[in-house]
Amino acid sequence: MSESYKPQSLPPLDPNLDVTQNHYWSYHNIEALVSCKKPLTASQDEDLFITVHQTCEIAFHQMIIDMERVLDALAEALQNSTDSIIGNTGEACYFFRRILRFYEVVNTTMPILMTMRAFAEFRTSIGPTSGFQSFQFRHLEIMSGVRKYWDGGTKNAQGELHIAEVEFNRRYGEDVAQWFELYHQHNLVHYYELLISRVTGNPQEERIVNLQNHPQASAILKYLRAYEELQRRFHQLHLGLAIGQLKIVGADIGTGGTTFQNYLAKYDQEEAPLFPGLS
């Protein structure tokens, strides 16, 4: 956090709030939170399946909030530089550090699904629902700077999209388009490339070395490298989990009917690395 930041007590957003009645269960809205988990079958594994995914989605939600803060702070640091490279990155690092911790939570939580023994008990009941349809993860990826690599990821041999992708496009297609427009030049990849362009050196490896010797830039490079590793780890975990669980039920397509192995491998094939030279 910036050394100039001095936290002060803030009033509630609702001026009519009686804080003396704000207890743990009401402040965190615990009853509403746990009521969101609604298994469709009596399987003793389905509640775990939902819990793991909802935990990841809660993490993605906070990561999106903090990523917006990181991007704004990076834009400001790049604009307000006294040495033509980058200004104070303390604010960006403060929020980036939180994002990385939440990504660790996601990557630690997902493997719990490998403890399931009864995926077959509820697999058919969840219909075409698929991890492909996580709009929050798409939002986060777009903020990171990825292209639309998932487009057409569920096509079958006849070139037809599975209903999982068709319905995702119908429900969130406009949102995705707006995100790509909003973050076109306001994403991690863009700011990394802008940072690289501000230093001398050829080839790029020499520029990165120069940045690593810059007190403000070096911290951001460290967090970008860690983010890259966690993002690739997430995709690898997703693929491994899909293979493992579907092998148990003797299936070769994903929960949404997707040809999951081809789709889940697309990120590494088409997008990684996001920040060339750091990995």
Protein backbone atom coordinates (compact mmCIF):
# COMPACT_ATOMS: atom_id res chain seq x y z
CA MET A 1 0.00 0.00 0.00
CA SER A 2 1.15 3.52 -0.67
CA GLU A 3 2.96 5.00 2.33
CA SER A 4 0.82 8.12 1.99
CA TYR A 5 -2.40 6.15 2.55
CA LYS A 6 -3.87 6.95 5.97
CA PRO A 7 -6.98 4.84 6.74
CA GLN A 8 -9.78 6.56 8.62
CA SER A 9 -13.06 5.33 10.03
CA LEU A 10 -15.84 5.48 7.44
CA PRO A 11 -19.57 5.80 8.11
CA PRO A 12 -21.99 3.11 6.85
CA LEU A 13 -23.28 3.63 3.31
CA ASP A 14 -26.77 3.45 4.77
CA PRO A 15 -27.11 6.36 7.22
CA ASN A 16 -30.11 4.65 8.84
CA LEU A 17 -28.18 1.51 9.75
CA ASP A 18 -28.22 0.64 13.45
CA VAL A 19 -24.74 -0.84 13.85
CA THR A 20 -25.58 -2.11 17.34
CA GLN A 21 -27.85 -4.68 15.68
CA ASN A 22 -25.25 -5.76 13.12
CA HIS A 23 -24.28 -9.24 14.33
CA TYR A 24 -21.97 -11.77 12.67
CA TRP A 25 -24.76 -13.76 11.03
CA SER A 26 -26.48 -10.69 9.62
CA TYR A 27 -23.34 -8.80 8.59
CA HIS A 28 -22.03 -11.78 6.59
CA ASN A 29 -25.55 -12.79 5.51
CA ILE A 30 -24.78 -16.37 6.49
CA GLU A 31 -28.29 -17.79 6.19
CA ALA A 32 -28.71 -16.46 2.65
CA LEU A 33 -25.23 -17.64 1.75
CA VAL A 34 -25.70 -21.25 2.80
CA SER A 35 -29.20 -21.34 1.32
CA CYS A 36 -27.64 -20.83 -2.12
CA LYS A 37 -26.48 -24.45 -2.10
CA LYS A 38 -29.34 -26.52 -3.48
CA PRO A 39 -28.38 -30.07 -4.53
CA LEU A 40 -30.68 -31.69 -7.08
CA THR A 41 -30.19 -35.27 -5.88
CA ALA A 42 -29.60 -37.14 -2.62
CA SER A 43 -25.97 -37.80 -3.54
CA GLN A 44 -23.57 -37.28 -0.66
CA ASP A 45 -21.05 -35.85 -3.11
CA GLU A 46 -23.23 -33.29 -4.89
CA ASP A 47 -23.18 -30.83 -1.99
CA LEU A 48 -19.38 -30.92 -2.13
CA PHE A 49 -19.47 -30.34 -5.89
CA ILE A 50 -21.57 -27.22 -5.39
CA THR A 51 -19.54 -25.96 -2.41
CA VAL A 52 -16.26 -26.15 -4.28
CA HIS A 53 -17.61 -24.28 -7.29
CA GLN A 54 -19.33 -21.64 -5.19
CA THR A 55 -16.15 -21.12 -3.18
CA CYS A 56 -14.25 -20.53 -6.42
CA GLU A 57 -16.92 -18.15 -7.70
CA ILE A 58 -16.84 -16.11 -4.47
CA ALA A 59 -13.06 -15.89 -4.91
CA PHE A 60 -13.42 -14.83 -8.56
CA HIS A 61 -15.83 -12.10 -7.52
CA GLN A 62 -13.32 -10.55 -5.14
CA MET A 63 -10.50 -11.02 -7.64
CA ILE A 64 -12.47 -9.04 -10.23
CA ILE A 65 -13.02 -6.22 -7.73
CA ASP A 66 -9.33 -6.12 -6.83
CA MET A 67 -8.20 -6.52 -10.45
CA GLU A 68 -10.08 -3.33 -11.30
CA ARG A 69 -8.09 -1.60 -8.58
CA VAL A 70 -4.82 -3.07 -9.84
CA LEU A 71 -5.49 -1.92 -13.40
CA ASP A 72 -6.44 1.59 -12.28
CA ALA A 73 -3.34 1.81 -10.09
CA LEU A 74 -1.09 0.58 -12.92
CA ALA A 75 -2.58 3.13 -15.31
CA GLU A 76 -1.88 5.88 -12.79
CA ALA A 77 1.65 4.68 -12.07
CA LEU A 78 2.48 4.54 -15.78
CA GLN A 79 1.04 8.00 -16.30
CA ASN A 80 2.71 9.58 -13.27
CA SER A 81 6.32 8.58 -13.75
CA THR A 82 9.28 10.79 -12.98
CA ASP A 83 11.75 8.64 -14.91
CA SER A 84 9.60 7.81 -17.99
CA ILE A 85 9.24 4.14 -16.92
CA ILE A 86 6.73 3.81 -14.07
CA GLY A 87 5.82 5.67 -10.90
CA ASN A 88 4.92 4.29 -7.48
CA THR A 89 3.44 0.79 -7.78
CA GLY A 90 2.66 0.33 -4.09
CA GLU A 91 -1.09 0.62 -4.59
CA ALA A 92 -1.11 -1.87 -7.48
CA CYS A 93 1.02 -4.33 -5.52
CA TYR A 94 -1.25 -4.09 -2.48
CA PHE A 95 -4.30 -5.32 -4.40
CA PHE A 96 -2.33 -7.66 -6.67
CA ARG A 97 -1.06 -9.48 -3.61
CA ARG A 98 -4.66 -10.18 -2.58
CA ILE A 99 -5.54 -11.49 -6.03
CA LEU A 100 -2.68 -13.95 -5.87
CA ARG A 101 -3.79 -15.22 -2.47
CA PHE A 102 -7.32 -15.75 -3.74
CA TYR A 103 -5.99 -17.59 -6.79
CA GLU A 104 -4.11 -19.85 -4.40
CA VAL A 105 -7.42 -20.48 -2.60
CA VAL A 106 -9.04 -21.47 -5.90
CA ASN A 107 -6.17 -23.75 -6.88
CA THR A 108 -6.23 -25.37 -3.45
CA THR A 109 -10.01 -25.76 -3.37
CA MET A 110 -10.54 -27.31 -6.82
CA PRO A 111 -8.56 -30.53 -6.13
CA ILE A 112 -10.99 -31.36 -3.30
CA LEU A 113 -13.28 -32.55 -6.10
CA MET A 114 -10.90 -35.48 -6.63
CA THR A 115 -12.16 -36.88 -3.32
CA MET A 116 -15.60 -37.48 -4.84
CA ARG A 117 -16.51 -41.12 -5.31
CA ALA A 118 -20.06 -40.69 -6.65
CA PHE A 119 -19.97 -38.17 -9.48
CA ALA A 120 -22.12 -40.58 -11.50
CA GLU A 121 -24.96 -40.20 -9.00
CA PHE A 122 -25.73 -36.62 -9.95
CA ARG A 123 -23.90 -36.01 -13.23
CA THR A 124 -26.96 -36.43 -15.46
CA SER A 125 -29.18 -34.33 -13.18
CA ILE A 126 -27.13 -31.14 -13.61
CA GLY A 127 -27.86 -31.04 -17.34
CA PRO A 128 -25.60 -28.97 -19.61
CA THR A 129 -24.08 -26.93 -16.76
CA SER A 130 -20.34 -26.65 -17.30
CA GLY A 131 -17.32 -24.79 -15.95
CA PHE A 132 -17.18 -23.35 -19.46
CA GLN A 133 -20.07 -21.13 -18.39
CA SER A 134 -18.29 -19.32 -15.54
CA PHE A 135 -18.89 -15.73 -16.63
CA GLN A 136 -16.85 -14.41 -13.71
CA PHE A 137 -13.79 -16.36 -14.81
CA ARG A 138 -14.28 -15.01 -18.35
CA HIS A 139 -14.46 -11.49 -16.91
CA LEU A 140 -11.22 -12.06 -15.02
CA GLU A 141 -9.48 -13.50 -18.06
CA ILE A 142 -10.47 -10.52 -20.20
CA MET A 143 -9.12 -8.18 -17.53
CA SER A 144 -5.91 -10.20 -17.67
CA GLY A 145 -5.62 -9.60 -21.40
CA VAL A 146 -6.53 -12.92 -22.99
CA ARG A 147 -8.27 -13.11 -26.33
CA LYS A 148 -11.51 -15.02 -26.92
CA TYR A 149 -9.76 -18.39 -27.09
CA TRP A 150 -12.81 -20.24 -25.71
CA ASP A 151 -15.01 -19.23 -28.67
CA GLY A 152 -16.16 -22.39 -30.43
CA GLY A 153 -14.60 -24.55 -27.76
CA THR A 154 -17.55 -26.96 -27.63
CA LYS A 155 -17.88 -27.65 -31.36
CA ASN A 156 -18.48 -31.27 -32.26
CA ALA A 157 -17.24 -33.10 -35.36
CA GLN A 158 -20.00 -31.46 -37.39
CA GLY A 159 -18.96 -27.98 -36.24
CA GLU A 160 -22.03 -27.48 -34.04
CA LEU A 161 -21.78 -25.72 -30.69
CA HIS A 162 -22.96 -27.57 -27.62
CA ILE A 163 -25.94 -26.09 -25.76
CA ALA A 164 -23.57 -25.14 -22.90
CA GLU A 165 -21.82 -22.63 -25.16
CA VAL A 166 -24.97 -21.62 -27.03
CA GLU A 167 -26.72 -20.71 -23.78
CA PHE A 168 -23.63 -18.98 -22.39
CA ASN A 169 -23.45 -16.80 -25.49
CA ARG A 170 -27.16 -16.04 -25.25
CA ARG A 171 -26.96 -15.11 -21.57
CA TYR A 172 -23.57 -13.36 -21.43
CA GLY A 173 -22.57 -12.65 -25.03
CA GLU A 174 -23.27 -8.92 -24.75
CA ASP A 175 -21.45 -8.71 -21.41
CA VAL A 176 -18.38 -10.42 -22.87
CA ALA A 177 -18.37 -8.02 -25.83
CA GLN A 178 -18.61 -5.05 -23.47
CA TRP A 179 -15.77 -6.39 -21.33
CA PHE A 180 -13.52 -6.77 -24.35
CA GLU A 181 -14.28 -3.19 -25.34
CA LEU A 182 -13.85 -1.82 -21.82
CA TYR A 183 -10.53 -3.57 -21.17
CA HIS A 184 -9.13 -3.35 -24.70
CA GLN A 185 -6.26 -1.11 -23.54
CA HIS A 186 -6.81 -1.55 -19.85
CA ASN A 187 -5.58 -5.03 -18.99
CA LEU A 188 -2.51 -6.72 -17.54
CA VAL A 189 -1.03 -7.75 -20.89
CA HIS A 190 -1.41 -4.21 -22.28
CA TYR A 191 0.32 -2.63 -19.30
CA TYR A 192 3.08 -5.24 -19.38
CA GLU A 193 3.75 -4.51 -23.04
CA LEU A 194 3.68 -0.77 -22.35
CA LEU A 195 6.17 -1.22 -19.53
CA ILE A 196 8.49 -3.27 -21.76
CA SER A 197 8.34 -0.58 -24.46
CA ARG A 198 9.61 2.07 -22.04
CA VAL A 199 13.04 0.58 -21.50
CA THR A 200 15.95 0.19 -23.87
CA GLY A 201 17.47 -3.10 -24.80
CA ASN A 202 17.44 -5.76 -27.46
CA PRO A 203 16.37 -8.55 -27.29
CA GLN A 204 13.39 -8.41 -24.95
CA GLU A 205 15.24 -10.37 -22.27
CA GLU A 206 17.60 -7.43 -21.85
CA ARG A 207 14.65 -5.08 -21.35
CA ILE A 208 13.22 -7.33 -18.67
CA VAL A 209 16.57 -7.40 -16.88
CA ASN A 210 16.58 -3.60 -16.93
CA LEU A 211 13.07 -3.54 -15.50
CA GLN A 212 14.04 -5.98 -12.77
CA ASN A 213 16.63 -3.45 -11.64
CA HIS A 214 13.99 -0.72 -11.45
CA PRO A 215 12.64 -0.44 -7.86
CA GLN A 216 9.00 0.08 -8.89
CA ALA A 217 8.85 -2.09 -12.00
CA SER A 218 10.53 -5.10 -10.40
CA ALA A 219 7.70 -5.54 -7.89
CA ILE A 220 5.05 -5.58 -10.62
CA LEU A 221 7.06 -8.08 -12.69
CA LYS A 222 7.19 -10.38 -9.66
CA TYR A 223 3.41 -10.31 -9.28
CA LEU A 224 2.79 -10.73 -13.01
CA ARG A 225 5.04 -13.79 -13.01
CA ALA A 226 3.21 -15.27 -10.03
CA TYR A 227 -0.16 -14.54 -11.63
CA GLU A 228 0.93 -16.28 -14.83
CA GLU A 229 1.95 -19.37 -12.90
CA LEU A 230 -1.30 -19.50 -10.93
CA GLN A 231 -3.44 -19.00 -14.04
CA ARG A 232 -1.70 -21.78 -15.94
CA ARG A 233 -1.94 -23.97 -12.87
CA PHE A 234 -5.69 -23.38 -12.75
CA HIS A 235 -6.12 -24.51 -16.36
CA GLN A 236 -3.95 -27.58 -15.76
CA LEU A 237 -5.89 -28.46 -12.62
CA HIS A 238 -9.19 -28.09 -14.47
CA LEU A 239 -8.01 -30.46 -17.19
CA GLY A 240 -6.64 -32.98 -14.69
CA LEU A 241 -9.82 -32.95 -12.63
CA ALA A 242 -12.01 -33.41 -15.68
CA ILE A 243 -9.95 -36.35 -16.89
CA GLY A 244 -9.89 -37.96 -13.45
CA GLN A 245 -13.58 -37.62 -12.64
CA LEU A 246 -14.84 -38.54 -16.10
CA LYS A 247 -12.60 -41.61 -16.09
CA ILE A 248 -14.40 -42.74 -12.94
CA VAL A 249 -17.78 -42.57 -14.68
CA GLY A 250 -16.43 -43.98 -17.93
CA ALA A 251 -17.18 -40.88 -20.00
CA ASP A 252 -15.14 -38.93 -22.53
CA ILE A 253 -17.15 -35.70 -22.62
CA GLY A 254 -17.54 -32.97 -19.99
CA THR A 255 -20.51 -32.27 -17.75
CA GLY A 256 -21.88 -29.86 -20.32
CA GLY A 257 -21.33 -32.32 -23.16
CA THR A 258 -18.17 -30.55 -24.24
CA THR A 259 -15.15 -32.20 -25.80
CA PHE A 260 -13.34 -31.02 -22.71
CA GLN A 261 -9.79 -32.15 -23.46
CA ASN A 262 -9.54 -30.09 -26.65
CA TYR A 263 -11.18 -27.07 -25.07
CA LEU A 264 -9.22 -27.13 -21.81
CA ALA A 265 -5.94 -27.42 -23.71
CA LYS A 266 -6.70 -24.31 -25.81
CA TYR A 267 -5.46 -21.83 -23.21
CA ASP A 268 -1.94 -23.25 -23.13
CA GLN A 269 -1.90 -23.65 -26.90
CA GLU A 270 -3.23 -20.20 -27.86
CA GLU A 271 -2.75 -17.78 -24.96
CA ALA A 272 0.09 -18.81 -22.68
CA PRO A 273 2.36 -17.22 -21.78
CA LEU A 274 0.53 -13.96 -21.17
CA PHE A 275 3.75 -12.20 -20.26
CA PRO A 276 6.50 -13.52 -22.56
CA GLY A 277 9.94 -13.45 -21.01
CA LEU A 278 8.78 -13.71 -17.41
CA SER A 279 8.12 -17.44 -17.24
